[in-house]
N, C-alpha and C. Protein backbone atom coordinates (compact mmCIF):
# COMPACT_ATOMS: atom_id res chain seq x y z
N MET A 1 -8.65 -6.64 -6.87
CA MET A 1 -9.56 -7.26 -7.79
C MET A 1 -8.89 -8.50 -8.35
N PRO A 2 -9.65 -9.52 -8.65
CA PRO A 2 -9.04 -10.75 -9.15
C PRO A 2 -8.69 -10.65 -10.63
N ILE A 3 -7.60 -11.28 -10.99
CA ILE A 3 -7.29 -11.57 -12.39
C ILE A 3 -7.66 -13.04 -12.54
N THR A 4 -8.61 -13.31 -13.41
CA THR A 4 -9.18 -14.66 -13.49
C THR A 4 -8.82 -15.34 -14.80
N ARG A 5 -8.80 -16.67 -14.75
CA ARG A 5 -8.64 -17.49 -15.95
C ARG A 5 -10.05 -17.91 -16.35
N GLU A 6 -10.49 -17.45 -17.50
CA GLU A 6 -11.84 -17.73 -17.96
C GLU A 6 -11.91 -19.13 -18.57
N PRO A 7 -13.11 -19.69 -18.68
CA PRO A 7 -13.27 -21.05 -19.22
C PRO A 7 -12.63 -21.24 -20.60
N ASP A 8 -12.54 -20.17 -21.40
CA ASP A 8 -11.92 -20.30 -22.73
C ASP A 8 -10.39 -20.13 -22.68
N GLY A 9 -9.82 -19.97 -21.47
CA GLY A 9 -8.38 -19.88 -21.30
C GLY A 9 -7.81 -18.47 -21.24
N ARG A 10 -8.60 -17.48 -21.60
CA ARG A 10 -8.07 -16.12 -21.57
C ARG A 10 -8.09 -15.56 -20.15
N LEU A 11 -7.28 -14.51 -19.90
CA LEU A 11 -7.26 -13.84 -18.60
C LEU A 11 -8.21 -12.66 -18.64
N ALA A 12 -8.81 -12.36 -17.50
CA ALA A 12 -9.72 -11.22 -17.42
C ALA A 12 -9.56 -10.53 -16.07
N LEU A 13 -9.74 -9.22 -16.07
CA LEU A 13 -9.78 -8.46 -14.83
C LEU A 13 -11.18 -8.54 -14.26
N ASP A 14 -11.28 -8.98 -13.01
CA ASP A 14 -12.56 -9.06 -12.31
C ASP A 14 -13.57 -9.92 -13.08
N GLY A 15 -13.05 -11.00 -13.69
CA GLY A 15 -13.93 -11.88 -14.46
C GLY A 15 -14.65 -12.88 -13.56
N HIS A 16 -15.22 -13.90 -14.19
CA HIS A 16 -16.00 -14.89 -13.45
C HIS A 16 -15.28 -16.22 -13.30
N GLY A 17 -14.07 -16.33 -13.88
CA GLY A 17 -13.32 -17.58 -13.81
C GLY A 17 -12.57 -17.72 -12.49
N THR A 18 -11.64 -18.64 -12.46
CA THR A 18 -10.83 -18.92 -11.28
C THR A 18 -9.76 -17.84 -11.10
N PRO A 19 -9.66 -17.24 -9.91
CA PRO A 19 -8.60 -16.24 -9.70
C PRO A 19 -7.22 -16.90 -9.79
N VAL A 20 -6.32 -16.29 -10.57
CA VAL A 20 -4.95 -16.79 -10.69
C VAL A 20 -3.95 -15.77 -10.13
N GLU A 21 -4.41 -14.55 -9.89
CA GLU A 21 -3.56 -13.48 -9.35
C GLU A 21 -4.49 -12.38 -8.86
N TRP A 22 -3.92 -11.48 -8.08
CA TRP A 22 -4.71 -10.36 -7.55
C TRP A 22 -4.03 -9.05 -7.92
N ALA A 23 -4.83 -8.05 -8.18
CA ALA A 23 -4.32 -6.72 -8.52
C ALA A 23 -4.97 -5.69 -7.60
N VAL A 24 -4.26 -4.61 -7.37
CA VAL A 24 -4.80 -3.51 -6.56
C VAL A 24 -5.36 -2.47 -7.51
N GLU A 25 -6.61 -2.14 -7.32
CA GLU A 25 -7.24 -1.09 -8.13
C GLU A 25 -7.02 0.23 -7.41
N MET A 26 -6.37 1.16 -8.10
CA MET A 26 -6.04 2.44 -7.48
C MET A 26 -6.91 3.55 -8.07
N ARG A 27 -7.07 4.60 -7.31
CA ARG A 27 -7.78 5.79 -7.79
C ARG A 27 -6.82 6.96 -7.80
N ARG A 28 -6.96 7.81 -8.79
CA ARG A 28 -6.15 9.02 -8.86
C ARG A 28 -6.78 10.06 -7.94
N PHE A 29 -5.95 10.74 -7.16
CA PHE A 29 -6.49 11.77 -6.29
C PHE A 29 -6.32 13.14 -6.95
N ASP A 30 -6.94 14.12 -6.37
CA ASP A 30 -6.94 15.48 -6.89
C ASP A 30 -5.52 16.02 -6.96
N GLU A 31 -5.03 16.31 -8.16
CA GLU A 31 -3.66 16.80 -8.34
C GLU A 31 -3.44 18.15 -7.67
N SER A 32 -4.50 18.90 -7.42
CA SER A 32 -4.33 20.20 -6.77
C SER A 32 -4.10 20.05 -5.27
N ALA A 33 -4.19 18.81 -4.75
CA ALA A 33 -3.98 18.57 -3.32
C ALA A 33 -2.63 17.93 -3.03
N THR A 34 -1.73 17.89 -4.03
CA THR A 34 -0.39 17.33 -3.79
C THR A 34 0.43 18.34 -2.98
N LEU A 35 1.45 17.83 -2.28
CA LEU A 35 2.24 18.71 -1.41
C LEU A 35 2.89 19.85 -2.15
N ASP A 36 3.37 19.62 -3.37
CA ASP A 36 3.99 20.72 -4.10
C ASP A 36 2.99 21.81 -4.43
N GLN A 37 1.76 21.43 -4.74
CA GLN A 37 0.73 22.43 -5.02
C GLN A 37 0.32 23.18 -3.75
N LEU A 38 0.22 22.45 -2.64
CA LEU A 38 -0.13 23.10 -1.38
C LEU A 38 0.98 24.05 -0.95
N ALA A 39 2.24 23.65 -1.13
CA ALA A 39 3.37 24.50 -0.75
C ALA A 39 3.41 25.77 -1.60
N ALA A 40 2.97 25.67 -2.84
CA ALA A 40 2.95 26.84 -3.71
C ALA A 40 1.93 27.87 -3.25
N GLY A 41 1.08 27.48 -2.31
CA GLY A 41 0.07 28.39 -1.79
C GLY A 41 0.64 29.51 -0.93
N GLY A 42 1.91 29.42 -0.58
CA GLY A 42 2.55 30.51 0.16
C GLY A 42 2.73 30.23 1.63
N PRO A 43 3.19 31.25 2.36
CA PRO A 43 3.58 31.09 3.77
C PRO A 43 2.44 30.65 4.69
N ASP A 44 1.21 30.88 4.30
CA ASP A 44 0.10 30.47 5.17
C ASP A 44 -0.02 28.96 5.24
N ARG A 45 0.75 28.24 4.43
CA ARG A 45 0.74 26.78 4.45
C ARG A 45 1.82 26.22 5.39
N CYS A 46 2.53 27.07 6.12
CA CYS A 46 3.61 26.62 7.00
C CYS A 46 3.10 25.66 8.06
N GLY A 47 1.89 25.84 8.53
CA GLY A 47 1.32 24.94 9.52
C GLY A 47 1.23 23.52 9.00
N LEU A 48 0.90 23.37 7.73
CA LEU A 48 0.81 22.05 7.12
C LEU A 48 2.18 21.39 7.10
N ALA A 49 3.21 22.14 6.69
CA ALA A 49 4.56 21.59 6.63
C ALA A 49 5.04 21.20 8.01
N ASP A 50 4.74 22.01 9.01
CA ASP A 50 5.15 21.71 10.38
C ASP A 50 4.45 20.45 10.89
N ALA A 51 3.17 20.34 10.65
CA ALA A 51 2.42 19.16 11.09
C ALA A 51 2.92 17.90 10.40
N LEU A 52 3.19 18.01 9.11
CA LEU A 52 3.70 16.86 8.37
C LEU A 52 5.07 16.45 8.89
N GLY A 53 5.94 17.42 9.13
CA GLY A 53 7.27 17.12 9.67
C GLY A 53 7.21 16.45 11.02
N ARG A 54 6.32 16.92 11.87
CA ARG A 54 6.17 16.32 13.20
C ARG A 54 5.63 14.89 13.11
N ALA A 55 4.70 14.65 12.20
CA ALA A 55 4.14 13.30 12.03
C ALA A 55 5.20 12.33 11.52
N VAL A 56 6.01 12.77 10.57
CA VAL A 56 7.07 11.92 10.04
C VAL A 56 8.11 11.65 11.12
N ALA A 57 8.49 12.68 11.87
CA ALA A 57 9.47 12.51 12.94
C ALA A 57 8.97 11.53 14.01
N ALA A 58 7.69 11.64 14.37
CA ALA A 58 7.12 10.73 15.37
C ALA A 58 7.10 9.29 14.85
N ALA A 59 6.80 9.10 13.58
CA ALA A 59 6.79 7.76 13.00
C ALA A 59 8.20 7.17 13.01
N HIS A 60 9.18 7.98 12.68
CA HIS A 60 10.57 7.50 12.68
C HIS A 60 11.05 7.20 14.10
N ALA A 61 10.59 7.98 15.05
CA ALA A 61 11.03 7.79 16.43
C ALA A 61 10.54 6.46 17.02
N THR A 62 9.41 5.97 16.52
CA THR A 62 8.86 4.72 17.06
C THR A 62 9.15 3.52 16.17
N ALA A 63 9.80 3.74 15.02
CA ALA A 63 10.09 2.63 14.10
C ALA A 63 11.24 1.77 14.65
N PRO A 64 11.16 0.45 14.43
CA PRO A 64 12.26 -0.41 14.89
C PRO A 64 13.55 -0.15 14.11
């Protein structure tokens, strides 16, 4: 989203003036879906950990 300089000189987020900088608007995700919460679900979550480990290993294997 743009940070703009308004005609009166003040700065505004997503205003109508001239963009002077850009900001990333982020959204908070569901805290119950974080890895620590999923891991607390017990041994039935082992498949998730294995898949995540394999994905990270594959990314590292192809990284320069």
